[in-house]
Structure formats: C-alpha cells, structure tokens
Amino acid sequence: MLKNLFGKKESVVEHITTPINGKIVDITDVPDPVFSKKMMGEGIAIEPTDGEVVSPVDAEVVQVFPTKHAVGLKTKSGLEILIHIGLETVGLEGEGFESFVKAGDKVKRGDKLISFDLEIIKEKAVSTISPLILTNMDEVVESVEKNLEESAKTTETEILTVTLKK
C-alpha cells in the first residue's frame, strides 16, 4: 500500500482487462449457479470468439488445473483471480486445452496462458461462456466496477476496476 505525505494509505486499484476476446456477459447471467449466484466471488464472463486466454494483469500463476480448463492468478497486491474456460469443461479431462504456464510462473498482462479448441467446447461442454472470478473478495476487495461493453479485446478492454481495502 502507498502512503501519501500525511501518512494516510492510498487505495490500490487493479485494472483487469479481458483475458479472452469476445462478448461480455454479466456474471449473474451465467447459466451456472456457482458463478451466477457469486458463490466463488464477484466477476464477469466472456462468450469467446477465439481460443486464446491471456493474462488480464501482471501476476503470479498460482494454479493451472490438471485438466487445463482453468487457471488461478495472484497479483502483487494480493488479488486472486480465477479464469474458468467454458462451463462443465472439467469433464473434458484436458481435451482441446493446452497450457503455456505452470504454478509459480510470473506473467505480464497479455502473456498467453492457455489455448483451447472452441469447437470442441461448443460440441462437448454445457457452454463456452468463460467466467473470470475474484476469489478472495471478502479479504481484499473494497469495491468493483464492471464494464459491460458489448465486446472486448484482450489487453485493450478493461472489464473490471477493483479497489482494494486499505
């Protein structure tokens, strides 16, 4: 946390860009109650137009699921982000997914994390909608502003502005 000249801590703000090119979907509209009811945390989702996931922030990779359908990141400020590709994709057991990172890797905004075969997900999963969830909301987040633009482009479209607790 930063301190100003009077000793007060200034808020830390994380600017999260879309990890996947596509159409923005409000998390409450995701057809899975674990995400739509925010059981895992606040977030946003993307209906992908291609099969590449890039880092939405500078962070450390904390987890790549063995099935490569999801990746967990943690920023220097402590914000934890889960990117989940499609719905019910764990059942694909890694089919159509390729990971380019592993736990412990440091990534910059725009670095390629995972690629996926959009056609396989369309054919075999419940949905291609891909949630991005802030998993430690209660511990570190003061407020979240969402950008529900119609479409989003990786590294260019800011989808969440997160102010962290002081």
Protein backbone atom coordinates (compact mmCIF):
# COMPACT_ATOMS: atom_id res chain seq x y z
CA MET A 1 0.00 0.00 0.00
CA LEU A 2 1.18 3.51 -0.73
CA LYS A 3 1.27 6.29 1.85
CA ASN A 4 0.76 9.90 0.94
CA LEU A 5 2.59 12.82 2.57
CA PHE A 6 0.22 12.84 5.54
CA GLY A 7 0.74 9.17 6.38
CA LYS A 8 -2.63 8.03 5.07
CA LYS A 9 -2.69 4.93 2.93
CA GLU A 10 -3.82 5.43 -0.63
CA SER A 11 -6.09 2.88 -2.24
CA VAL A 12 -4.59 0.32 -4.57
CA VAL A 13 -6.61 -0.15 -7.75
CA GLU A 14 -6.28 -3.15 -10.08
CA HIS A 15 -7.31 -2.66 -13.70
CA ILE A 16 -8.32 -6.04 -15.15
CA THR A 17 -8.53 -6.42 -18.91
CA THR A 18 -10.38 -9.20 -20.66
CA PRO A 19 -8.40 -12.46 -20.81
CA ILE A 20 -10.35 -13.68 -23.87
CA ASN A 21 -11.63 -11.89 -26.99
CA GLY A 22 -15.41 -11.97 -27.10
CA LYS A 23 -18.74 -10.67 -25.85
CA ILE A 24 -19.02 -9.55 -22.23
CA VAL A 25 -21.63 -11.33 -20.10
CA ASP A 26 -22.71 -10.18 -16.63
CA ILE A 27 -21.80 -12.85 -14.08
CA THR A 28 -25.44 -13.01 -12.95
CA ASP A 29 -26.38 -14.18 -16.48
CA VAL A 30 -24.00 -17.17 -16.49
CA PRO A 31 -26.06 -20.39 -16.76
CA ASP A 32 -24.39 -21.99 -13.72
CA PRO A 33 -25.47 -21.05 -10.17
CA VAL A 34 -21.94 -21.44 -8.75
CA PHE A 35 -20.98 -18.42 -10.86
CA SER A 36 -24.28 -16.53 -11.28
CA LYS A 37 -25.00 -16.54 -7.53
CA LYS A 38 -21.38 -15.43 -6.88
CA MET A 39 -20.65 -18.44 -4.65
CA MET A 40 -16.97 -18.22 -5.63
CA GLY A 41 -16.85 -14.41 -5.75
CA GLU A 42 -17.67 -11.39 -7.88
CA GLY A 43 -16.71 -11.34 -11.51
CA ILE A 44 -17.65 -11.12 -15.13
CA ALA A 45 -17.78 -13.59 -18.01
CA ILE A 46 -16.85 -13.68 -21.67
CA GLU A 47 -18.51 -15.50 -24.57
CA PRO A 48 -15.30 -16.29 -26.52
CA THR A 49 -14.79 -15.57 -30.20
CA ASP A 50 -11.45 -17.39 -30.31
CA GLY A 51 -9.49 -19.94 -28.30
CA GLU A 52 -6.78 -17.99 -26.53
CA VAL A 53 -6.56 -16.95 -22.88
CA VAL A 54 -4.06 -14.25 -21.90
CA SER A 55 -3.25 -12.80 -18.53
CA PRO A 56 -5.57 -9.90 -17.63
CA VAL A 57 -3.00 -8.46 -15.17
CA ASP A 58 0.63 -8.73 -14.12
CA ALA A 59 0.58 -11.64 -11.69
CA GLU A 60 1.93 -14.95 -10.47
CA VAL A 61 0.31 -18.15 -11.68
CA VAL A 62 -0.86 -19.92 -8.50
CA GLN A 63 -2.62 -22.85 -10.14
CA VAL A 64 -3.24 -24.45 -13.50
CA PHE A 65 -5.88 -27.13 -13.13
CA PRO A 66 -4.70 -30.59 -14.30
CA THR A 67 -7.45 -30.54 -16.96
CA LYS A 68 -6.18 -27.11 -18.11
CA HIS A 69 -9.73 -25.70 -18.15
CA ALA A 70 -8.94 -23.08 -15.51
CA VAL A 71 -6.05 -21.01 -14.20
CA GLY A 72 -5.57 -19.08 -10.96
CA LEU A 73 -3.56 -15.86 -10.71
CA LYS A 74 -2.47 -13.64 -7.83
CA THR A 75 -1.42 -10.01 -8.23
CA LYS A 76 1.35 -8.35 -6.23
CA SER A 77 -1.36 -6.53 -4.24
CA GLY A 78 -2.91 -9.88 -3.22
CA LEU A 79 -5.95 -10.03 -5.51
CA GLU A 80 -6.74 -13.60 -6.58
CA ILE A 81 -8.32 -14.21 -9.99
CA LEU A 82 -9.74 -17.43 -11.41
CA ILE A 83 -10.27 -17.76 -15.17
CA HIS A 84 -12.57 -20.69 -15.95
CA ILE A 85 -12.88 -21.65 -19.63
CA GLY A 86 -16.40 -22.75 -20.52
CA LEU A 87 -18.91 -24.43 -18.20
CA GLU A 88 -18.66 -28.08 -17.16
CA THR A 89 -15.36 -28.32 -19.04
CA VAL A 90 -13.58 -30.25 -16.29
CA GLY A 91 -15.33 -33.33 -17.75
CA LEU A 92 -13.35 -32.92 -20.98
CA GLU A 93 -10.30 -34.07 -18.98
CA GLY A 94 -8.00 -31.69 -20.85
CA GLU A 95 -9.24 -32.49 -24.36
CA GLY A 96 -8.83 -29.39 -26.53
CA PHE A 97 -6.78 -27.44 -23.94
CA GLU A 98 -3.09 -26.54 -23.93
CA SER A 99 -1.35 -24.70 -21.09
CA PHE A 100 1.62 -22.39 -21.63
CA VAL A 101 2.26 -21.68 -17.92
CA LYS A 102 2.67 -23.53 -14.64
CA ALA A 103 2.27 -22.63 -10.96
CA GLY A 104 4.98 -20.22 -9.86
CA ASP A 105 5.39 -18.53 -13.25
CA LYS A 106 5.34 -14.73 -13.31
CA VAL A 107 3.21 -13.32 -16.13
CA LYS A 108 2.58 -9.88 -17.58
CA ARG A 109 -0.71 -8.56 -18.93
CA GLY A 110 -1.20 -10.11 -22.38
CA ASP A 111 1.02 -13.19 -21.83
CA LYS A 112 -0.55 -16.34 -23.27
CA LEU A 113 -1.82 -18.67 -20.53
CA ILE A 114 -3.96 -21.32 -22.22
CA SER A 115 -5.26 -22.12 -25.68
CA PHE A 116 -8.44 -24.07 -26.25
CA ASP A 117 -10.35 -25.56 -29.16
CA LEU A 118 -13.55 -23.51 -29.24
CA GLU A 119 -15.28 -26.08 -31.48
CA ILE A 120 -14.65 -28.94 -29.01
CA ILE A 121 -16.07 -26.84 -26.17
CA LYS A 122 -19.12 -25.87 -28.27
CA GLU A 123 -19.70 -29.53 -29.05
CA LYS A 124 -18.94 -31.21 -25.70
CA ALA A 125 -19.42 -28.67 -22.89
CA VAL A 126 -22.54 -27.07 -21.43
CA SER A 127 -21.47 -23.60 -22.61
CA THR A 128 -18.46 -21.70 -23.93
CA ILE A 129 -19.15 -18.81 -21.50
CA SER A 130 -15.93 -18.28 -19.54
CA PRO A 131 -16.12 -16.63 -16.10
CA LEU A 132 -13.39 -14.51 -14.53
CA ILE A 133 -13.87 -14.55 -10.75
CA LEU A 134 -12.26 -12.55 -7.93
CA THR A 135 -11.92 -15.41 -5.46
CA ASN A 136 -10.75 -13.53 -2.36
CA MET A 137 -13.27 -10.68 -2.48
CA ASP A 138 -14.07 -10.65 1.23
CA GLU A 139 -10.43 -10.41 2.30
CA VAL A 140 -9.05 -7.76 -0.02
CA VAL A 141 -11.70 -6.02 -2.15
CA GLU A 142 -13.38 -2.75 -1.21
CA SER A 143 -15.28 -2.18 -4.47
CA VAL A 144 -15.64 -3.45 -8.02
CA GLU A 145 -16.72 -1.53 -11.10
CA LYS A 146 -17.77 -3.58 -14.13
CA ASN A 147 -17.55 -2.63 -17.76
CA LEU A 148 -20.33 -4.45 -19.59
CA GLU A 149 -19.36 -3.30 -23.09
CA GLU A 150 -20.78 -5.41 -25.88
CA SER A 151 -17.44 -6.82 -27.00
CA ALA A 152 -13.96 -6.98 -25.53
CA LYS A 153 -10.46 -7.32 -26.92
CA THR A 154 -7.60 -8.76 -24.86
CA THR A 155 -5.17 -6.27 -23.31
CA GLU A 156 -7.34 -3.39 -24.59
CA THR A 157 -10.75 -3.66 -22.92
CA GLU A 158 -10.79 -3.08 -19.17
CA ILE A 159 -13.59 -5.26 -17.79
CA LEU A 160 -13.12 -4.74 -14.04
CA THR A 161 -11.73 -1.92 -11.93
CA VAL A 162 -11.07 -3.26 -8.45
CA THR A 163 -10.32 -1.03 -5.46
CA LEU A 164 -8.59 -2.95 -2.70
CA LYS A 165 -9.10 -2.42 1.03
CA LYS A 166 -6.66 -0.06 2.70
